[in-house]
N, C-alpha and C. Protein backbone atom coordinates (compact mmCIF):
# COMPACT_ATOMS: atom_id res chain seq x y z
N UNK A 1 121.21 77.96 33.22
CA UNK A 1 122.60 78.05 33.81
C UNK A 1 123.39 78.81 35.04
N UNK A 2 122.91 79.79 34.59
CA UNK A 2 123.45 80.87 35.84
C UNK A 2 122.82 80.38 36.84
N UNK A 3 121.51 80.44 37.13
CA UNK A 3 121.05 80.31 38.48
C UNK A 3 121.55 78.74 39.20
N UNK A 4 121.71 77.97 38.20
CA UNK A 4 122.39 76.87 38.76
C UNK A 4 123.76 77.01 39.41
N UNK A 5 124.35 77.74 38.97
CA UNK A 5 125.75 77.98 39.21
C UNK A 5 125.78 78.89 40.42
N UNK A 6 124.65 80.03 40.15
CA UNK A 6 124.63 80.54 41.49
C UNK A 6 124.01 80.22 43.00
N UNK A 7 123.28 78.92 42.46
CA UNK A 7 122.73 78.45 43.79
C UNK A 7 123.88 77.14 44.35
N UNK A 8 124.48 76.67 43.52
CA UNK A 8 125.82 75.69 43.85
C UNK A 8 126.92 76.38 44.21
N UNK A 9 127.55 77.70 43.92
CA UNK A 9 128.57 78.29 43.62
C UNK A 9 129.82 77.30 43.72
N UNK A 10 129.31 76.47 42.52
CA UNK A 10 130.69 75.45 42.41
C UNK A 10 130.24 75.05 40.89
N UNK A 11 130.97 75.30 39.73
CA UNK A 11 130.66 75.08 38.38
C UNK A 11 130.63 73.46 38.09
N UNK A 12 131.56 73.03 38.76
CA UNK A 12 131.27 71.52 38.64
C UNK A 12 129.82 70.54 39.16
N UNK A 13 129.47 71.19 40.19
CA UNK A 13 128.29 70.41 40.99
C UNK A 13 127.13 71.12 40.28
N UNK A 14 127.48 72.09 39.72
CA UNK A 14 126.27 72.49 38.61
C UNK A 14 126.17 72.20 37.64
N UNK A 15 127.18 72.01 37.04
CA UNK A 15 127.51 71.11 35.48
C UNK A 15 126.81 69.85 35.84
N UNK A 16 126.87 68.99 36.92
CA UNK A 16 126.46 67.64 37.43
C UNK A 16 125.13 67.85 37.42
N UNK A 17 124.79 68.73 38.12
CA UNK A 17 122.91 68.99 38.25
C UNK A 17 122.34 69.32 36.99
N UNK A 18 123.07 69.88 36.23
CA UNK A 18 122.08 70.36 34.98
C UNK A 18 122.70 69.17 33.80
N UNK A 19 123.55 67.96 34.08
CA UNK A 19 123.47 67.34 33.17
C UNK A 19 124.71 67.12 32.10
N UNK A 20 125.52 68.14 32.26
CA UNK A 20 126.42 68.43 30.98
C UNK A 20 127.92 68.79 31.94
N UNK A 21 128.90 68.73 30.79
CA UNK A 21 130.06 68.77 31.23
C UNK A 21 130.53 70.41 31.81
N UNK A 22 131.31 70.68 32.44
CA UNK A 22 131.85 71.91 33.28
C UNK A 22 132.36 72.99 31.90
N UNK A 23 133.37 72.51 30.85
CA UNK A 23 133.67 73.71 30.19
C UNK A 23 132.53 74.35 29.32
N UNK A 24 131.46 73.32 28.99
CA UNK A 24 130.48 74.38 27.85
C UNK A 24 129.55 75.09 29.08
N UNK A 25 129.44 74.69 30.18
CA UNK A 25 128.56 75.68 31.31
C UNK A 25 129.49 77.14 31.66
N UNK A 26 131.12 76.86 31.90
CA UNK A 26 132.09 77.75 32.09
C UNK A 26 131.76 78.98 30.60
N UNK A 27 131.71 78.16 29.39
CA UNK A 27 131.59 79.29 28.25
C UNK A 27 130.35 79.89 28.30
N UNK A 28 129.18 79.33 28.35
CA UNK A 28 127.98 79.87 28.77
C UNK A 28 127.76 81.18 29.76
N UNK A 29 128.50 80.67 30.92
CA UNK A 29 128.58 81.87 31.76
C UNK A 29 129.51 82.87 31.14
N UNK A 30 130.71 82.55 31.03
CA UNK A 30 131.31 83.71 30.13
C UNK A 30 130.73 84.35 29.15
N UNK A 31 130.02 83.65 28.29
CA UNK A 31 128.99 84.67 27.10
C UNK A 31 127.95 85.39 27.59
N UNK A 32 127.46 84.99 29.01
CA UNK A 32 126.29 85.78 29.57
C UNK A 32 126.86 87.25 30.14
N UNK A 33 128.08 86.88 30.66
CA UNK A 33 128.88 88.07 31.31
C UNK A 33 129.49 89.14 30.33
N UNK A 34 130.09 88.57 29.09
CA UNK A 34 130.07 89.36 28.25
C UNK A 34 128.96 90.31 27.35
N UNK A 35 127.82 89.15 27.37
CA UNK A 35 126.61 90.01 26.67
C UNK A 35 126.03 91.06 27.52
N UNK A 36 126.11 90.80 28.84
CA UNK A 36 125.79 91.96 29.89
C UNK A 36 126.81 92.92 30.21
N UNK A 37 127.76 92.87 29.94
CA UNK A 37 128.80 93.39 30.31
C UNK A 37 129.11 93.47 31.56
N UNK A 38 128.96 92.51 32.26
CA UNK A 38 128.91 92.56 33.83
C UNK A 38 129.51 91.26 34.10
N UNK A 39 130.36 91.31 35.39
CA UNK A 39 131.06 89.90 36.01
C UNK A 39 130.01 89.71 36.80
N UNK A 40 129.50 88.60 36.72
CA UNK A 40 128.33 87.99 37.79
C UNK A 40 128.89 87.04 38.76
N UNK A 41 130.10 86.30 38.44
CA UNK A 41 130.88 85.81 39.79
C UNK A 41 132.30 86.16 39.76
N UNK A 42 132.72 85.99 41.13
CA UNK A 42 134.09 86.28 41.59
C UNK A 42 134.45 84.86 41.74
N UNK A 43 135.59 84.62 40.91
CA UNK A 43 136.28 83.30 41.19
C UNK A 43 137.51 83.30 41.32
N UNK A 44 137.90 82.42 42.10
CA UNK A 44 139.42 82.23 42.57
C UNK A 44 139.37 80.52 42.40
N UNK A 45 140.47 80.10 42.62
CA UNK A 45 141.08 79.02 42.33
C UNK A 45 140.12 77.86 43.52
N UNK A 46 139.56 78.64 44.63
CA UNK A 46 139.39 77.90 45.53
C UNK A 46 137.51 77.91 45.59
N UNK A 47 137.17 78.78 45.24
CA UNK A 47 135.42 79.29 45.33
C UNK A 47 135.33 80.01 44.17
N UNK A 48 133.92 80.20 44.54
CA UNK A 48 133.02 81.02 43.50
C UNK A 48 132.06 81.73 44.18
N UNK A 49 131.72 82.80 43.97
CA UNK A 49 131.05 83.70 44.96
C UNK A 49 130.41 84.61 43.99
N UNK A 50 128.85 84.79 44.11
CA UNK A 50 127.94 85.82 43.26
C UNK A 50 129.10 87.77 43.35
N UNK A 51 128.88 88.04 42.41
CA UNK A 51 129.41 89.41 42.63
C UNK A 51 128.29 90.30 43.02
N UNK A 52 128.33 91.51 43.04
CA UNK A 52 126.93 92.32 43.27
C UNK A 52 126.39 92.49 42.27
N UNK A 53 126.72 92.35 40.99
CA UNK A 53 126.05 92.46 40.04
C UNK A 53 125.17 91.06 39.60
N UNK A 54 126.07 89.92 39.91
CA UNK A 54 125.28 88.67 40.09
C UNK A 54 124.11 88.70 40.77
N UNK A 55 124.37 88.86 42.12
CA UNK A 55 123.09 88.77 43.42
C UNK A 55 121.80 89.61 42.55
N UNK A 56 121.83 90.72 41.87
CA UNK A 56 121.11 91.44 41.44
C UNK A 56 120.13 90.89 40.54
N UNK A 57 121.17 90.26 39.48
CA UNK A 57 120.93 89.68 38.35
C UNK A 57 120.07 88.17 38.76
N UNK A 58 120.31 87.68 40.01
CA UNK A 58 120.00 86.61 39.93
C UNK A 58 118.44 86.80 40.55
N UNK A 59 118.06 87.77 41.36
CA UNK A 59 117.11 88.34 41.86
C UNK A 59 116.08 88.30 40.52
N UNK A 60 116.43 88.90 39.69
CA UNK A 60 115.56 89.39 38.48
C UNK A 60 115.39 88.07 37.82
N UNK A 61 116.38 87.21 37.45
CA UNK A 61 116.49 86.09 36.61
C UNK A 61 115.24 84.93 37.48
N UNK A 62 115.15 85.03 38.80
CA UNK A 62 113.84 83.91 39.28
C UNK A 62 112.85 84.67 39.05
N UNK A 63 112.70 86.11 39.14
CA UNK A 63 111.41 86.55 38.63
C UNK A 63 110.81 86.42 37.46
N UNK A 64 111.87 86.31 36.57
CA UNK A 64 111.34 86.11 35.31
C UNK A 64 111.01 84.72 34.99
N UNK A 65 111.69 84.05 35.60
CA UNK A 65 111.65 82.41 35.55
C UNK A 65 110.32 81.93 36.28
N UNK A 66 109.73 82.59 37.07
CA UNK A 66 108.34 82.52 37.64
C UNK A 66 107.32 83.27 37.05
N UNK A 67 107.83 84.33 36.19
CA UNK A 67 106.45 84.88 35.51
C UNK A 67 106.31 83.66 34.07
N UNK A 68 107.47 83.29 33.82
CA UNK A 68 107.24 82.42 32.27
C UNK A 68 106.49 81.12 32.87
N UNK A 69 106.76 80.50 34.12
CA UNK A 69 105.67 79.36 34.80
C UNK A 69 103.96 79.98 34.74
N UNK A 70 104.19 81.42 35.20
CA UNK A 70 102.82 81.70 35.28
C UNK A 70 102.30 81.91 33.91
N UNK A 71 102.85 82.13 32.99
CA UNK A 71 102.49 82.44 31.69
C UNK A 71 102.19 80.80 30.99
N UNK A 72 102.93 79.87 30.95
CA UNK A 72 102.69 78.68 30.94
C UNK A 72 101.42 78.24 31.42
N UNK A 73 101.08 78.23 32.82
CA UNK A 73 100.31 78.20 33.61
C UNK A 73 98.74 78.69 32.82
N UNK A 74 98.87 79.93 32.58
CA UNK A 74 97.81 80.32 31.90
C UNK A 74 97.27 80.13 30.39
N UNK A 75 98.41 79.58 29.76
CA UNK A 75 97.83 78.87 28.50
C UNK A 75 97.63 77.81 28.41
N UNK A 76 98.11 76.79 29.46
CA UNK A 76 97.27 75.66 29.60
C UNK A 76 96.07 75.83 30.41
N UNK A 77 95.82 76.74 31.22
CA UNK A 77 94.26 76.71 31.59
C UNK A 77 93.24 77.41 30.92
N UNK A 78 93.97 78.21 29.69
CA UNK A 78 92.79 78.78 28.58
C UNK A 78 92.57 77.82 27.86
N UNK A 79 93.48 76.97 27.24
CA UNK A 79 93.40 75.67 26.63
C UNK A 79 92.25 74.90 27.18
N UNK A 80 92.18 74.54 28.57
CA UNK A 80 91.24 73.56 29.16
C UNK A 80 89.95 74.71 29.27
N UNK A 81 89.68 75.81 29.05
CA UNK A 81 88.29 76.33 29.35
C UNK A 81 88.38 76.79 30.42
N UNK A 82 89.50 76.72 31.17
CA UNK A 82 89.34 77.59 32.69
C UNK A 82 89.30 78.93 33.22
N UNK A 83 89.93 79.51 31.42
CA UNK A 83 90.44 80.95 31.72
C UNK A 83 89.41 81.54 30.45
N UNK A 84 89.52 82.78 30.69
CA UNK A 84 88.91 83.69 29.36
C UNK A 84 87.48 84.09 29.75
N UNK A 85 86.66 84.23 28.41
CA UNK A 85 85.48 85.20 28.75
C UNK A 85 84.73 84.23 27.80
N UNK A 86 83.28 84.47 28.51
CA UNK A 86 82.02 83.82 27.74
C UNK A 86 81.09 85.14 27.84
N UNK A 87 80.78 85.49 26.43
CA UNK A 87 79.69 86.52 26.47
C UNK A 87 78.51 86.14 26.16
N UNK A 88 77.45 86.77 26.47
CA UNK A 88 76.05 86.36 26.13
C UNK A 88 75.30 87.50 25.93
N UNK A 89 74.79 87.66 24.96
CA UNK A 89 73.64 88.60 24.45
C UNK A 89 72.47 87.97 24.31
N UNK A 90 71.43 88.95 24.91
CA UNK A 90 70.09 88.72 24.66
C UNK A 90 69.24 90.31 24.71
N UNK A 91 68.21 90.27 24.40
CA UNK A 91 67.49 91.35 24.43
C UNK A 91 66.48 91.49 25.35
N UNK A 92 66.06 92.62 25.80
CA UNK A 92 65.27 92.81 26.83
C UNK A 92 63.70 92.08 26.59
N UNK A 93 63.67 91.84 25.38
CA UNK A 93 62.06 91.51 24.97
C UNK A 93 62.22 90.18 24.84
N UNK A 94 63.19 89.59 25.05
CA UNK A 94 63.48 87.98 25.15
C UNK A 94 63.07 87.39 26.58
N UNK A 95 62.17 86.48 26.53
CA UNK A 95 61.74 86.28 28.02
C UNK A 95 63.02 85.65 28.61
N UNK A 96 63.38 85.86 29.95
CA UNK A 96 64.50 85.41 30.88
C UNK A 96 63.92 84.01 31.29
N UNK A 97 64.51 82.94 30.97
CA UNK A 97 64.04 81.54 31.70
C UNK A 97 65.32 81.06 32.03
N UNK A 98 65.40 79.74 32.37
CA UNK A 98 66.42 78.98 33.13
C UNK A 98 67.59 78.77 31.93
N UNK A 99 67.34 78.89 30.82
CA UNK A 99 68.35 78.43 29.69
C UNK A 99 69.50 79.46 29.99
N UNK A 100 69.77 80.54 30.30
CA UNK A 100 70.84 81.22 30.29
C UNK A 100 71.56 80.59 31.53
N UNK A 101 71.09 80.62 32.52
CA UNK A 101 71.74 79.76 33.77
C UNK A 101 71.84 78.79 33.76
N UNK A 102 71.65 77.92 32.98
CA UNK A 102 71.97 76.31 33.02
C UNK A 102 73.08 76.46 31.83
N UNK A 103 73.11 77.11 30.62
CA UNK A 103 74.14 77.51 29.74
C UNK A 103 75.22 77.69 30.56
N UNK A 104 75.15 79.02 31.31
CA UNK A 104 76.46 79.19 32.31
C UNK A 104 77.16 78.17 33.09
N UNK A 105 75.91 77.49 33.72
CA UNK A 105 76.46 76.37 34.70
C UNK A 105 77.18 75.25 33.77
N UNK A 106 76.58 74.90 32.20
CA UNK A 106 77.07 73.97 31.62
C UNK A 106 78.50 74.58 31.09
N UNK A 107 78.67 75.64 30.93
CA UNK A 107 80.02 75.92 30.34
C UNK A 107 80.97 76.01 31.40
N UNK A 108 80.41 76.47 32.83
CA UNK A 108 81.73 76.19 33.74
C UNK A 108 82.27 74.63 34.38
N UNK A 109 80.93 73.94 34.06
CA UNK A 109 81.50 72.46 34.38
C UNK A 109 82.45 71.83 33.51
N UNK A 110 82.50 72.42 32.01
CA UNK A 110 83.42 71.66 31.23
C UNK A 110 84.79 72.57 31.63
């Protein structure tokens, strides 16, 4: 919610973009400000602007969301077998033939 308001600099437009009404959005932003102990927006009857704390918080919030997206992508790719480790063990006395390279190739194809 915070990022939507920060990008729109207007509670009404942000609420519309989020598909919610304005009062709950305002309440959520106020609750966030109380939780942080910082005023994130400077509000007047005519405009909404980010405070210095809000500007810095916005930078960090965007980084957090980008990291969440990356984590979700890693989880999806791991589920598909695109990430992770393949451990292969064999002894020096075992003959090295095409079985191991074929197994690695087959694993990568999946």
